[in-house]
Amino acid sequence: MKFFLTTGRTIDQGVALEGQKLGRENIKACAICEFDKDDFAKLDCMIGTPVKVTTKFGEVVVYSQISEQGPHPGIIFIPMGPWANAVINSETYGTGMPSYKGTEAEVEVVKSGRILTALEIIKSYK
């Protein structure tokens, strides 16, 4: 399915960063993709099922969730962090900050996808 990806800060992400950036809490807070409830129904999967998010900038496997915000059909959300960074444009156009909004993305349910840790994602950029 095709979507527009947006990213941003969340309370859970901030709490996890205060605890441990490389810990399990950060994965639970940031290695997620939130969907509009109607879009999620079309995916035909259960909450927590791994999904692969692919953009022209990269791909990442994250856990699926239904957004508590909305409705927002056609828009997915990944909290800022290594998982979101794997699929957004790194170009800053001189501002020092990449664009975290409106990236075209394709999402597919994966049967056996492993969610990488933050350190594994960072090491993959060698």
PDB file of N, CA and C in Angstrom:
ATOM      1  N   MET A   1       0.842  -1.179   0.000  1.00  0.00           N
ATOM      2  CA  MET A   1       0.000   0.000   0.000  1.00  0.00           C
ATOM      3  C   MET A   1       0.885   1.239   0.000  1.00  0.00           C
ATOM      4  N   LYS A   2       0.418   2.271  -0.637  1.00  0.00           N
ATOM      5  CA  LYS A   2       1.179   3.520  -0.716  1.00  0.00           C
ATOM      6  C   LYS A   2       0.640   4.536   0.291  1.00  0.00           C
ATOM      7  N   PHE A   3       1.578   5.281   0.888  1.00  0.00           N
ATOM      8  CA  PHE A   3       1.251   6.265   1.909  1.00  0.00           C
ATOM      9  C   PHE A   3       2.176   7.461   1.783  1.00  0.00           C
ATOM     10  N   PHE A   4       1.870   8.502   2.564  1.00  0.00           N
ATOM     11  CA  PHE A   4       2.806   9.588   2.809  1.00  0.00           C
ATOM     12  C   PHE A   4       3.295   9.418   4.236  1.00  0.00           C
ATOM     13  N   LEU A   5       4.617   9.410   4.391  1.00  0.00           N
ATOM     14  CA  LEU A   5       5.248   9.229   5.694  1.00  0.00           C
ATOM     15  C   LEU A   5       5.524  10.580   6.329  1.00  0.00           C
ATOM     16  N   THR A   6       5.192  10.688   7.603  1.00  0.00           N
ATOM     17  CA  THR A   6       5.572  11.849   8.383  1.00  0.00           C
ATOM     18  C   THR A   6       6.239  11.344   9.657  1.00  0.00           C
ATOM     19  N   THR A   7       7.136  12.126  10.187  1.00  0.00           N
ATOM     20  CA  THR A   7       7.810  11.760  11.429  1.00  0.00           C
ATOM     21  C   THR A   7       7.745  12.947  12.388  1.00  0.00           C
ATOM     22  N   GLY A   8       8.030  12.684  13.620  1.00  0.00           N
ATOM     23  CA  GLY A   8       8.013  13.746  14.612  1.00  0.00           C
ATOM     24  C   GLY A   8       8.363  13.204  15.983  1.00  0.00           C
ATOM     25  N   ARG A   9       8.397  14.088  16.919  1.00  0.00           N
ATOM     26  CA  ARG A   9       8.693  13.701  18.300  1.00  0.00           C
ATOM     27  C   ARG A   9       7.417  13.230  18.988  1.00  0.00           C
ATOM     28  N   THR A  10       7.586  12.309  19.932  1.00  0.00           N
ATOM     29  CA  THR A  10       6.466  11.841  20.746  1.00  0.00           C
ATOM     30  C   THR A  10       6.888  11.829  22.213  1.00  0.00           C
ATOM     31  N   ILE A  11       5.920  11.808  23.086  1.00  0.00           N
ATOM     32  CA  ILE A  11       6.210  11.714  24.532  1.00  0.00           C
ATOM     33  C   ILE A  11       6.955  10.423  24.826  1.00  0.00           C
ATOM     34  N   ASP A  12       6.455   9.302  24.283  1.00  0.00           N
ATOM     35  CA  ASP A  12       7.096   8.005  24.541  1.00  0.00           C
ATOM     36  C   ASP A  12       8.534   7.989  24.045  1.00  0.00           C
ATOM     37  N   GLN A  13       8.778   8.610  22.905  1.00  0.00           N
ATOM     38  CA  GLN A  13      10.131   8.674  22.364  1.00  0.00           C
ATOM     39  C   GLN A  13      11.035   9.464  23.306  1.00  0.00           C
ATOM     40  N   GLY A  14      10.554  10.594  23.798  1.00  0.00           N
ATOM     41  CA  GLY A  14      11.345  11.412  24.715  1.00  0.00           C
ATOM     42  C   GLY A  14      11.665  10.691  26.007  1.00  0.00           C
ATOM     43  N   VAL A  15      10.699   9.987  26.547  1.00  0.00           N
ATOM     44  CA  VAL A  15      10.913   9.219  27.783  1.00  0.00           C
ATOM     45  C   VAL A  15      11.949   8.127  27.538  1.00  0.00           C
ATOM     46  N   ALA A  16      11.828   7.421  26.419  1.00  0.00           N
ATOM     47  CA  ALA A  16      12.769   6.345  26.107  1.00  0.00           C
ATOM     48  C   ALA A  16      14.185   6.877  25.937  1.00  0.00           C
ATOM     49  N   LEU A  17      14.322   8.053  25.318  1.00  0.00           N
ATOM     50  CA  LEU A  17      15.654   8.632  25.125  1.00  0.00           C
ATOM     51  C   LEU A  17      16.299   9.005  26.444  1.00  0.00           C
ATOM     52  N   GLU A  18      15.493   9.432  27.408  1.00  0.00           N
ATOM     53  CA  GLU A  18      16.040   9.760  28.721  1.00  0.00           C
ATOM     54  C   GLU A  18      16.542   8.514  29.437  1.00  0.00           C
ATOM     55  N   GLY A  19      15.909   7.380  29.136  1.00  0.00           N
ATOM     56  CA  GLY A  19      16.303   6.122  29.769  1.00  0.00           C
ATOM     57  C   GLY A  19      17.564   5.553  29.157  1.00  0.00           C
ATOM     58  N   GLN A  20      17.440   5.096  27.918  1.00  0.00           N
ATOM     59  CA  GLN A  20      18.577   4.473  27.255  1.00  0.00           C
ATOM     60  C   GLN A  20      18.315   4.427  25.756  1.00  0.00           C
ATOM     61  N   LYS A  21      19.120   5.144  24.994  1.00  0.00           N
ATOM     62  CA  LYS A  21      18.917   5.214  23.545  1.00  0.00           C
ATOM     63  C   LYS A  21      19.034   3.857  22.869  1.00  0.00           C
ATOM     64  N   LEU A  22      19.843   2.979  23.412  1.00  0.00           N
ATOM     65  CA  LEU A  22      20.069   1.692  22.776  1.00  0.00           C
ATOM     66  C   LEU A  22      19.263   0.569  23.419  1.00  0.00           C
ATOM     67  N   GLY A  23      18.372   0.909  24.331  1.00  0.00           N
ATOM     68  CA  GLY A  23      17.628  -0.107  25.063  1.00  0.00           C
ATOM     69  C   GLY A  23      16.318  -0.511  24.414  1.00  0.00           C
ATOM     70  N   ARG A  24      15.700  -1.488  25.034  1.00  0.00           N
ATOM     71  CA  ARG A  24      14.431  -2.049  24.554  1.00  0.00           C
ATOM     72  C   ARG A  24      13.304  -1.008  24.564  1.00  0.00           C
ATOM     73  N   GLU A  25      13.313  -0.106  25.547  1.00  0.00           N
ATOM     74  CA  GLU A  25      12.260   0.916  25.616  1.00  0.00           C
ATOM     75  C   GLU A  25      12.284   1.822  24.387  1.00  0.00           C
ATOM     76  N   ASN A  26      13.470   2.096  23.872  1.00  0.00           N
ATOM     77  CA  ASN A  26      13.575   2.936  22.674  1.00  0.00           C
ATOM     78  C   ASN A  26      12.998   2.216  21.458  1.00  0.00           C
ATOM     79  N   ILE A  27      13.211   0.924  21.371  1.00  0.00           N
ATOM     80  CA  ILE A  27      12.634   0.151  20.270  1.00  0.00           C
ATOM     81  C   ILE A  27      11.114   0.194  20.359  1.00  0.00           C
ATOM     82  N   LYS A  28      10.578  -0.020  21.552  1.00  0.00           N
ATOM     83  CA  LYS A  28       9.119  -0.007  21.723  1.00  0.00           C
ATOM     84  C   LYS A  28       8.523   1.364  21.415  1.00  0.00           C
ATOM     85  N   ALA A  29       9.270   2.434  21.676  1.00  0.00           N
ATOM     86  CA  ALA A  29       8.762   3.789  21.469  1.00  0.00           C
ATOM     87  C   ALA A  29       8.965   4.308  20.050  1.00  0.00           C
ATOM     88  N   CYS A  30      10.011   3.837  19.372  1.00  0.00           N
ATOM     89  CA  CYS A  30      10.375   4.453  18.088  1.00  0.00           C
ATOM     90  C   CYS A  30      10.356   3.519  16.886  1.00  0.00           C
ATOM     91  N   ALA A  31      10.480   2.225  17.092  1.00  0.00           N
ATOM     92  CA  ALA A  31      10.500   1.283  15.967  1.00  0.00           C
ATOM     93  C   ALA A  31       9.081   0.854  15.638  1.00  0.00           C
ATOM     94  N   ILE A  32       8.239   1.873  15.405  1.00  0.00           N
ATOM     95  CA  ILE A  32       6.820   1.629  15.141  1.00  0.00           C
ATOM     96  C   ILE A  32       6.362   2.461  13.951  1.00  0.00           C
ATOM     97  N   CYS A  33       5.311   1.994  13.335  1.00  0.00           N
ATOM     98  CA  CYS A  33       4.658   2.744  12.269  1.00  0.00           C
ATOM     99  C   CYS A  33       3.179   2.794  12.619  1.00  0.00           C
ATOM    100  N   GLU A  34       2.664   4.008  12.774  1.00  0.00           N
ATOM    101  CA  GLU A  34       1.263   4.195  13.131  1.00  0.00           C
ATOM    102  C   GLU A  34       0.433   4.449  11.873  1.00  0.00           C
ATOM    103  N   PHE A  35      -0.732   3.815  11.836  1.00  0.00           N
ATOM    104  CA  PHE A  35      -1.640   3.894  10.695  1.00  0.00           C
ATOM    105  C   PHE A  35      -2.995   4.431  11.131  1.00  0.00           C
ATOM    106  N   ASP A  36      -3.677   5.100  10.218  1.00  0.00           N
ATOM    107  CA  ASP A  36      -5.081   5.415  10.388  1.00  0.00           C
ATOM    108  C   ASP A  36      -5.817   4.079  10.547  1.00  0.00           C
ATOM    109  N   LYS A  37      -6.851   4.049  11.386  1.00  0.00           N
ATOM    110  CA  LYS A  37      -7.526   2.775  11.678  1.00  0.00           C
ATOM    111  C   LYS A  37      -8.111   2.120  10.429  1.00  0.00           C
ATOM    112  N   ASP A  38      -8.631   2.907   9.499  1.00  0.00           N
ATOM    113  CA  ASP A  38      -9.183   2.318   8.278  1.00  0.00           C
ATOM    114  C   ASP A  38      -8.082   1.777   7.366  1.00  0.00           C
ATOM    115  N   ASP A  39      -6.967   2.486   7.278  1.00  0.00           N
ATOM    116  CA  ASP A  39      -5.828   1.994   6.495  1.00  0.00           C
ATOM    117  C   ASP A  39      -5.280   0.715   7.125  1.00  0.00           C
ATOM    118  N   PHE A  40      -5.239   0.671   8.446  1.00  0.00           N
ATOM    119  CA  PHE A  40      -4.721  -0.509   9.134  1.00  0.00           C
ATOM    120  C   PHE A  40      -5.578  -1.732   8.823  1.00  0.00           C
ATOM    121  N   ALA A  41      -6.880  -1.547   8.775  1.00  0.00           N
ATOM    122  CA  ALA A  41      -7.788  -2.650   8.445  1.00  0.00           C
ATOM    123  C   ALA A  41      -7.488  -3.208   7.053  1.00  0.00           C
ATOM    124  N   LYS A  42      -7.112  -2.341   6.123  1.00  0.00           N
ATOM    125  CA  LYS A  42      -6.796  -2.779   4.766  1.00  0.00           C
ATOM    126  C   LYS A  42      -5.495  -3.585   4.705  1.00  0.00           C
ATOM    127  N   LEU A  43      -4.592  -3.364   5.686  1.00  0.00           N
ATOM    128  CA  LEU A  43      -3.343  -4.132   5.725  1.00  0.00           C
ATOM    129  C   LEU A  43      -3.599  -5.601   6.052  1.00  0.00           C
ATOM    130  N   ASP A  44      -4.723  -5.864   6.741  1.00  0.00           N
ATOM    131  CA  ASP A  44      -5.091  -7.221   7.113  1.00  0.00           C
ATOM    132  C   ASP A  44      -4.011  -7.880   7.975  1.00  0.00           C
ATOM    133  N   CYS A  45      -3.646  -7.201   9.046  1.00  0.00           N
ATOM    134  CA  CYS A  45      -2.678  -7.757   9.984  1.00  0.00           C
ATOM    135  C   CYS A  45      -3.108  -7.395  11.403  1.00  0.00           C
ATOM    136  N   MET A  46      -2.365  -7.862  12.368  1.00  0.00           N
ATOM    137  CA  MET A  46      -2.658  -7.569  13.773  1.00  0.00           C
ATOM    138  C   MET A  46      -1.706  -6.499  14.283  1.00  0.00           C
ATOM    139  N   ILE A  47      -2.108  -5.804  15.334  1.00  0.00           N
ATOM    140  CA  ILE A  47      -1.237  -4.813  15.962  1.00  0.00           C
ATOM    141  C   ILE A  47       0.051  -5.502  16.396  1.00  0.00           C
ATOM    142  N   GLY A  48       1.164  -4.880  16.075  1.00  0.00           N
ATOM    143  CA  GLY A  48       2.467  -5.441  16.423  1.00  0.00           C
ATOM    144  C   GLY A  48       3.096  -6.268  15.315  1.00  0.00           C
ATOM    145  N   THR A  49       2.346  -6.531  14.257  1.00  0.00           N
ATOM    146  CA  THR A  49       2.900  -7.270  13.127  1.00  0.00           C
ATOM    147  C   THR A  49       3.995  -6.432  12.469  1.00  0.00           C
ATOM    148  N   PRO A  50       5.137  -7.027  12.152  1.00  0.00           N
ATOM    149  CA  PRO A  50       6.174  -6.264  11.452  1.00  0.00           C
ATOM    150  C   PRO A  50       5.726  -5.852  10.051  1.00  0.00           C
ATOM    151  N   VAL A  51       6.057  -4.624   9.699  1.00  0.00           N
ATOM    152  CA  VAL A  51       5.803  -4.110   8.359  1.00  0.00           C
ATOM    153  C   VAL A  51       7.096  -3.506   7.822  1.00  0.00           C
ATOM    154  N   LYS A  52       7.287  -3.637   6.520  1.00  0.00           N
ATOM    155  CA  LYS A  52       8.454  -3.019   5.879  1.00  0.00           C
ATOM    156  C   LYS A  52       7.994  -1.729   5.230  1.00  0.00           C
ATOM    157  N   VAL A  53       8.640  -0.638   5.611  1.00  0.00           N
ATOM    158  CA  VAL A  53       8.370   0.678   5.044  1.00  0.00           C
ATOM    159  C   VAL A  53       9.514   0.978   4.073  1.00  0.00           C
ATOM    160  N   THR A  54       9.156   1.244   2.828  1.00  0.00           N
ATOM    161  CA  THR A  54      10.157   1.493   1.792  1.00  0.00           C
ATOM    162  C   THR A  54       9.902   2.854   1.157  1.00  0.00           C
ATOM    163  N   THR A  55      10.964   3.647   1.047  1.00  0.00           N
ATOM    164  CA  THR A  55      10.917   4.914   0.326  1.00  0.00           C
ATOM    165  C   THR A  55      12.081   4.911  -0.660  1.00  0.00           C
ATOM    166  N   LYS A  56      12.199   5.957  -1.461  1.00  0.00           N
ATOM    167  CA  LYS A  56      13.342   6.013  -2.386  1.00  0.00           C
ATOM    168  C   LYS A  56      14.656   6.245  -1.650  1.00  0.00           C
ATOM    169  N   PHE A  57      14.579   6.488  -0.338  1.00  0.00           N
ATOM    170  CA  PHE A  57      15.780   6.750   0.458  1.00  0.00           C
ATOM    171  C   PHE A  57      16.237   5.533   1.255  1.00  0.00           C
ATOM    172  N   GLY A  58      15.398   4.512   1.365  1.00  0.00           N
ATOM    173  CA  GLY A  58      15.775   3.321   2.106  1.00  0.00           C
ATOM    174  C   GLY A  58      14.561   2.521   2.536  1.00  0.00           C
ATOM    175  N   GLU A  59      14.818   1.536   3.374  1.00  0.00           N
ATOM    176  CA  GLU A  59      13.730   0.721   3.897  1.00  0.00           C
ATOM    177  C   GLU A  59      14.050   0.316   5.334  1.00  0.00           C
ATOM    178  N   VAL A  60      12.973   0.020   6.077  1.00  0.00           N
ATOM    179  CA  VAL A  60      13.129  -0.370   7.464  1.00  0.00           C
ATOM    180  C   VAL A  60      11.931  -1.233   7.860  1.00  0.00           C
ATOM    181  N   VAL A  61      12.181  -2.186   8.751  1.00  0.00           N
ATOM    182  CA  VAL A  61      11.104  -3.010   9.286  1.00  0.00           C
ATOM    183  C   VAL A  61      10.806  -2.516  10.701  1.00  0.00           C
ATOM    184  N   VAL A  62       9.532  -2.240  10.946  1.00  0.00           N
ATOM    185  CA  VAL A  62       9.084  -1.719  12.240  1.00  0.00           C
ATOM    186  C   VAL A  62       7.777  -2.420  12.626  1.00  0.00           C
ATOM    187  N   TYR A  63       7.358  -2.232  13.868  1.00  0.00           N
ATOM    188  CA  TYR A  63       6.101  -2.798  14.331  1.00  0.00           C
ATOM    189  C   TYR A  63       4.928  -1.926  13.882  1.00  0.00           C
ATOM    190  N   SER A  64       3.808  -2.534  13.570  1.00  0.00           N
ATOM    191  CA  SER A  64       2.617  -1.800  13.146  1.00  0.00           C
ATOM    192  C   SER A  64       1.734  -1.465  14.345  1.00  0.00           C
ATOM    193  N   GLN A  65       1.101  -0.301  14.270  1.00  0.00           N
ATOM    194  CA  GLN A  65       0.177   0.155  15.310  1.00  0.00           C
ATOM    195  C   GLN A  65      -0.938   0.971  14.679  1.00  0.00           C
ATOM    196  N   ILE A  66      -2.056   1.023  15.381  1.00  0.00           N
ATOM    197  CA  ILE A  66      -3.131   1.924  14.986  1.00  0.00           C
ATOM    198  C   ILE A  66      -2.910   3.234  15.722  1.00  0.00           C
ATOM    199  N   SER A  67      -2.949   4.326  14.995  1.00  0.00           N
ATOM    200  CA  SER A  67      -2.731   5.649  15.578  1.00  0.00           C
ATOM    201  C   SER A  67      -3.892   6.039  16.487  1.00  0.00           C
ATOM    202  N   GLU A  68      -3.562   6.702  17.572  1.00  0.00           N
ATOM    203  CA  GLU A  68      -4.585   7.267  18.455  1.00  0.00           C
ATOM    204  C   GLU A  68      -5.050   8.623  17.932  1.00  0.00           C
ATOM    205  N   GLN A  69      -4.344   9.170  16.949  1.00  0.00           N
ATOM    206  CA  GLN A  69      -4.700  10.441  16.319  1.00  0.00           C
ATOM    207  C   GLN A  69      -5.550  10.136  15.090  1.00  0.00           C
ATOM    208  N   GLY A  70      -6.202  11.127  14.574  1.00  0.00           N
ATOM    209  CA  GLY A  70      -6.881  10.881  13.311  1.00  0.00           C
ATOM    210  C   GLY A  70      -8.294  11.409  13.287  1.00  0.00           C
ATOM    211  N   PRO A  71      -8.949  11.166  12.212  1.00  0.00           N
ATOM    212  CA  PRO A  71      -8.522  10.324  11.097  1.00  0.00           C
ATOM    213  C   PRO A  71      -7.481  11.008  10.212  1.00  0.00           C
ATOM    214  N   HIS A  72      -6.656  10.195   9.586  1.00  0.00           N
ATOM    215  CA  HIS A  72      -5.641  10.695   8.663  1.00  0.00           C
ATOM    216  C   HIS A  72      -5.333   9.625   7.606  1.00  0.00           C
ATOM    217  N   PRO A  73      -6.337   9.307   6.777  1.00  0.00           N
ATOM    218  CA  PRO A  73      -6.119   8.279   5.757  1.00  0.00           C
ATOM    219  C   PRO A  73      -4.974   8.644   4.817  1.00  0.00           C
ATOM    220  N   GLY A  74      -4.193   7.602   4.488  1.00  0.00           N
ATOM    221  CA  GLY A  74      -3.100   7.782   3.537  1.00  0.00           C
ATOM    222  C   GLY A  74      -1.817   8.304   4.150  1.00  0.00           C
ATOM    223  N   ILE A  75      -1.810   8.538   5.469  1.00  0.00           N
ATOM    224  CA  ILE A  75      -0.616   9.064   6.142  1.00  0.00           C
ATOM    225  C   ILE A  75      -0.181   8.080   7.217  1.00  0.00           C
ATOM    226  N   ILE A  76       1.118   7.762   7.223  1.00  0.00           N
ATOM    227  CA  ILE A  76       1.696   6.939   8.282  1.00  0.00           C
ATOM    228  C   ILE A  76       2.667   7.790   9.087  1.00  0.00           C
ATOM    229  N   PHE A  77       2.950   7.351  10.309  1.00  0.00           N
ATOM    230  CA  PHE A  77       3.819   8.105  11.201  1.00  0.00           C
ATOM    231  C   PHE A  77       4.829   7.165  11.836  1.00  0.00           C
ATOM    232  N   ILE A  78       6.104   7.547  11.766  1.00  0.00           N
ATOM    233  CA  ILE A  78       7.179   6.860  12.486  1.00  0.00           C
ATOM    234  C   ILE A  78       7.853   7.903  13.365  1.00  0.00           C
ATOM    235  N   PRO A  79       7.957   7.660  14.685  1.00  0.00           N
ATOM    236  CA  PRO A  79       8.625   8.641  15.551  1.00  0.00           C
ATOM    237  C   PRO A  79      10.077   8.870  15.124  1.00  0.00           C
ATOM    238  N   MET A  80      10.572  10.072  15.339  1.00  0.00           N
ATOM    239  CA  MET A  80      11.949  10.408  14.988  1.00  0.00           C
ATOM    240  C   MET A  80      12.912   9.477  15.713  1.00  0.00           C
ATOM    241  N   GLY A  81      13.938   9.081  15.005  1.00  0.00           N
ATOM    242  CA  GLY A  81      14.942   8.166  15.542  1.00  0.00           C
ATOM    243  C   GLY A  81      15.578   7.391  14.401  1.00  0.00           C
ATOM    244  N   PRO A  82      16.421   6.420  14.711  1.00  0.00           N
ATOM    245  CA  PRO A  82      17.132   5.677  13.663  1.00  0.00           C
ATOM    246  C   PRO A  82      16.216   5.002  12.649  1.00  0.00           C
ATOM    247  N   TRP A  83      15.053   4.522  13.081  1.00  0.00           N
ATOM    248  CA  TRP A  83      14.141   3.829  12.171  1.00  0.00           C
ATOM    249  C   TRP A  83      13.553   4.805  11.154  1.00  0.00           C
ATOM    250  N   ALA A  84      13.136   5.972  11.604  1.00  0.00           N
ATOM    251  CA  ALA A  84      12.632   6.992  10.681  1.00  0.00           C
ATOM    252  C   ALA A  84      13.762   7.504   9.794  1.00  0.00           C
ATOM    253  N   ASN A  85      14.926   7.702  10.381  1.00  0.00           N
ATOM    254  CA  ASN A  85      16.060   8.221   9.605  1.00  0.00           C
ATOM    255  C   ASN A  85      16.449   7.292   8.460  1.00  0.00           C
ATOM    256  N   ALA A  86      16.150   6.003   8.595  1.00  0.00           N
ATOM    257  CA  ALA A  86      16.488   5.038   7.553  1.00  0.00           C
ATOM    258  C   ALA A  86      15.664   5.243   6.285  1.00  0.00           C
ATOM    259  N   VAL A  87      14.557   5.973   6.382  1.00  0.00           N
ATOM    260  CA  VAL A  87      13.652   6.089   5.229  1.00  0.00           C
ATOM    261  C   VAL A  87      13.321   7.522   4.820  1.00  0.00           C
ATOM    262  N   ILE A  88      13.985   8.505   5.423  1.00  0.00           N
ATOM    263  CA  ILE A  88      13.738   9.891   5.026  1.00  0.00           C
ATOM    264  C   ILE A  88      14.932  10.433   4.239  1.00  0.00           C
ATOM    265  N   ASN A  89      14.707  11.523   3.544  1.00  0.00           N
ATOM    266  CA  ASN A  89      15.750  12.191   2.776  1.00  0.00           C
ATOM    267  C   ASN A  89      16.718  12.871   3.744  1.00  0.00           C
ATOM    268  N   SER A  90      18.002  12.560   3.633  1.00  0.00           N
ATOM    269  CA  SER A  90      18.995  13.155   4.535  1.00  0.00           C
ATOM    270  C   SER A  90      19.418  14.560   4.107  1.00  0.00           C
ATOM    271  N   GLU A  91      19.006  14.989   2.928  1.00  0.00           N
ATOM    272  CA  GLU A  91      19.363  16.322   2.433  1.00  0.00           C
ATOM    273  C   GLU A  91      18.714  17.397   3.311  1.00  0.00           C
ATOM    274  N   THR A  92      19.506  18.393   3.708  1.00  0.00           N
ATOM    275  CA  THR A  92      18.983  19.453   4.571  1.00  0.00           C
ATOM    276  C   THR A  92      18.757  20.770   3.828  1.00  0.00           C
ATOM    277  N   TYR A  93      19.208  20.858   2.592  1.00  0.00           N
ATOM    278  CA  TYR A  93      19.042  22.074   1.791  1.00  0.00           C
ATOM    279  C   TYR A  93      19.553  23.308   2.528  1.00  0.00           C
ATOM    280  N   GLY A  94      20.668  23.124   3.250  1.00  0.00           N
ATOM    281  CA  GLY A  94      21.324  24.232   3.928  1.00  0.00           C
ATOM    282  C   GLY A  94      20.716  24.627   5.267  1.00  0.00           C
ATOM    283  N   THR A  95      19.669  23.948   5.704  1.00  0.00           N
ATOM    284  CA  THR A  95      19.026  24.315   6.970  1.00  0.00           C
ATOM    285  C   THR A  95      19.598  23.564   8.161  1.00  0.00           C
ATOM    286  N   GLY A  96      20.309  22.468   7.901  1.00  0.00           N
ATOM    287  CA  GLY A  96      20.830  21.650   8.984  1.00  0.00           C
ATOM    288  C   GLY A  96      19.823  20.633   9.488  1.00  0.00           C
ATOM    289  N   MET A  97      18.630  20.635   8.940  1.00  0.00           N
ATOM    290  CA  MET A  97      17.579  19.718   9.387  1.00  0.00           C
ATOM    291  C   MET A  97      16.891  19.114   8.167  1.00  0.00           C
ATOM    292  N   PRO A  98      16.836  17.779   8.075  1.00  0.00           N
ATOM    293  CA  PRO A  98      16.149  17.179   6.932  1.00  0.00           C
ATOM    294  C   PRO A  98      14.636  17.382   7.019  1.00  0.00           C
ATOM    295  N   SER A  99      13.971  17.132   5.916  1.00  0.00           N
ATOM    296  CA  SER A  99      12.514  17.226   5.902  1.00  0.00           C
ATOM    297  C   SER A  99      11.934  15.928   6.448  1.00  0.00           C
ATOM    298  N   TYR A 100      11.188  16.037   7.501  1.00  0.00           N
ATOM    299  CA  TYR A 100      10.612  14.859   8.142  1.00  0.00           C
ATOM    300  C   TYR A 100       9.157  14.631   7.749  1.00  0.00           C
ATOM    301  N   LYS A 101       8.664  15.358   6.776  1.00  0.00           N
ATOM    302  CA  LYS A 101       7.244  15.298   6.442  1.00  0.00           C
ATOM    303  C   LYS A 101       7.031  15.018   4.958  1.00  0.00           C
ATOM    304  N   GLY A 102       6.006  14.212   4.657  1.00  0.00           N
ATOM    305  CA  GLY A 102       5.527  14.055   3.294  1.00  0.00           C
ATOM    306  C   GLY A 102       6.328  13.174   2.360  1.00  0.00           C
ATOM    307  N   THR A 103       7.098  12.244   2.880  1.00  0.00           N
ATOM    308  CA  THR A 103       7.863  11.337   2.035  1.00  0.00           C
ATOM    309  C   THR A 103       6.949  10.226   1.522  1.00  0.00           C
ATOM    310  N   GLU A 104       6.967   9.988   0.223  1.00  0.00           N
ATOM    311  CA  GLU A 104       6.175   8.892  -0.332  1.00  0.00           C
ATOM    312  C   GLU A 104       6.753   7.568   0.134  1.00  0.00           C
ATOM    313  N   ALA A 105       5.875   6.672   0.587  1.00  0.00           N
ATOM    314  CA  ALA A 105       6.317   5.389   1.133  1.00  0.00           C
ATOM    315  C   ALA A 105       5.388   4.273   0.696  1.00  0.00           C
ATOM    316  N   GLU A 106       5.945   3.097   0.641  1.00  0.00           N
ATOM    317  CA  GLU A 106       5.156   1.895   0.392  1.00  0.00           C
ATOM    318  C   GLU A 106       5.328   0.986   1.602  1.00  0.00           C
ATOM    319  N   VAL A 107       4.225   0.363   2.015  1.00  0.00           N
ATOM    320  CA  VAL A 107       4.237  -0.494   3.198  1.00  0.00           C
ATOM    321  C   VAL A 107       3.731  -1.875   2.823  1.00  0.00           C
ATOM    322  N   GLU A 108       4.440  -2.880   3.319  1.00  0.00           N
ATOM    323  CA  GLU A 108       3.984  -4.253   3.146  1.00  0.00           C
ATOM    324  C   GLU A 108       4.172  -5.023   4.451  1.00  0.00           C
ATOM    325  N   VAL A 109       3.243  -5.916   4.719  1.00  0.00           N
ATOM    326  CA  VAL A 109       3.340  -6.779   5.889  1.00  0.00           C
ATOM    327  C   VAL A 109       4.415  -7.812   5.602  1.00  0.00           C
ATOM    328  N   VAL A 110       5.273  -8.047   6.580  1.00  0.00           N
ATOM    329  CA  VAL A 110       6.308  -9.070   6.424  1.00  0.00           C
ATOM    330  C   VAL A 110       6.060 -10.183   7.431  1.00  0.00           C
ATOM    331  N   LYS A 111       6.173 -11.397   6.965  1.00  0.00           N
ATOM    332  CA  LYS A 111       5.875 -12.552   7.814  1.00  0.00           C
ATOM    333  C   LYS A 111       6.995 -12.836   8.810  1.00  0.00           C
ATOM    334  N   SER A 112       8.225 -12.589   8.397  1.00  0.00           N
ATOM    335  CA  SER A 112       9.341 -12.946   9.275  1.00  0.00           C
ATOM    336  C   SER A 112      10.386 -11.836   9.299  1.00  0.00           C
ATOM    337  N   GLY A 113       9.952 -10.629   9.581  1.00  0.00           N
ATOM    338  CA  GLY A 113      10.891  -9.514   9.628  1.00  0.00           C
ATOM    339  C   GLY A 113      11.380  -9.260  11.046  1.00  0.00           C
ATOM    340  N   ARG A 114      12.678  -9.118  11.198  1.00  0.00           N
ATOM    341  CA  ARG A 114      13.246  -8.815  12.504  1.00  0.00           C
ATOM    342  C   ARG A 114      13.448  -7.319  12.602  1.00  0.00           C
ATOM    343  N   ILE A 115      13.057  -6.743  13.729  1.00  0.00           N
ATOM    344  CA  ILE A 115      13.239  -5.315  13.962  1.00  0.00           C
ATOM    345  C   ILE A 115      14.679  -5.108  14.431  1.00  0.00           C
ATOM    346  N   LEU A 116      15.431  -4.318  13.684  1.00  0.00           N
ATOM    347  CA  LEU A 116      16.816  -4.049  14.069  1.00  0.00           C
ATOM    348  C   LEU A 116      16.863  -3.115  15.270  1.00  0.00           C
ATOM    349  N   THR A 117      17.894  -3.260  16.068  1.00  0.00           N
ATOM    350  CA  THR A 117      18.111  -2.328  17.168  1.00  0.00           C
ATOM    351  C   THR A 117      18.653  -1.022  16.603  1.00  0.00           C
ATOM    352  N   ALA A 118      18.653   0.019  17.419  1.00  0.00           N
ATOM    353  CA  ALA A 118      19.193   1.307  16.987  1.00  0.00           C
ATOM    354  C   ALA A 118      20.660   1.160  16.582  1.00  0.00           C
ATOM    355  N   LEU A 119      21.421   0.426  17.360  1.00  0.00           N
ATOM    356  CA  LEU A 119      22.844   0.245  17.064  1.00  0.00           C
ATOM    357  C   LEU A 119      23.042  -0.517  15.754  1.00  0.00           C
ATOM    358  N   GLU A 120      22.202  -1.520  15.481  1.00  0.00           N
ATOM    359  CA  GLU A 120      22.323  -2.264  14.228  1.00  0.00           C
ATOM    360  C   GLU A 120      22.026  -1.359  13.029  1.00  0.00           C
ATOM    361  N   ILE A 121      21.042  -0.499  13.159  1.00  0.00           N
ATOM    362  CA  ILE A 121      20.730   0.428  12.065  1.00  0.00           C
ATOM    363  C   ILE A 121      21.890   1.395  11.856  1.00  0.00           C
ATOM    364  N   ILE A 122      22.414   1.944  12.924  1.00  0.00           N
ATOM    365  CA  ILE A 122      23.522   2.892  12.823  1.00  0.00           C
ATOM    366  C   ILE A 122      24.743   2.234  12.185  1.00  0.00           C
ATOM    367  N   LYS A 123      25.042   1.008  12.581  1.00  0.00           N
ATOM    368  CA  LYS A 123      26.196   0.288  12.018  1.00  0.00           C
ATOM    369  C   LYS A 123      26.000  -0.043  10.546  1.00  0.00           C
ATOM    370  N   SER A 124      24.765  -0.129  10.093  1.00  0.00           N
ATOM    371  CA  SER A 124      24.502  -0.469   8.690  1.00  0.00           C
ATOM    372  C   SER A 124      24.874   0.678   7.745  1.00  0.00           C
ATOM    373  N   TYR A 125      25.144   1.857   8.260  1.00  0.00           N
ATOM    374  CA  TYR A 125      25.475   3.019   7.419  1.00  0.00           C
ATOM    375  C   TYR A 125      26.952   3.120   7.090  1.00  0.00           C
ATOM    376  N   LYS A 126      27.731   2.104   7.329  1.00  0.00           N
ATOM    377  CA  LYS A 126      29.163   2.125   7.034  1.00  0.00           C
ATOM    378  C   LYS A 126      29.437   2.405   5.589  1.00  0.00           C
TER     379      LYS A 126
END
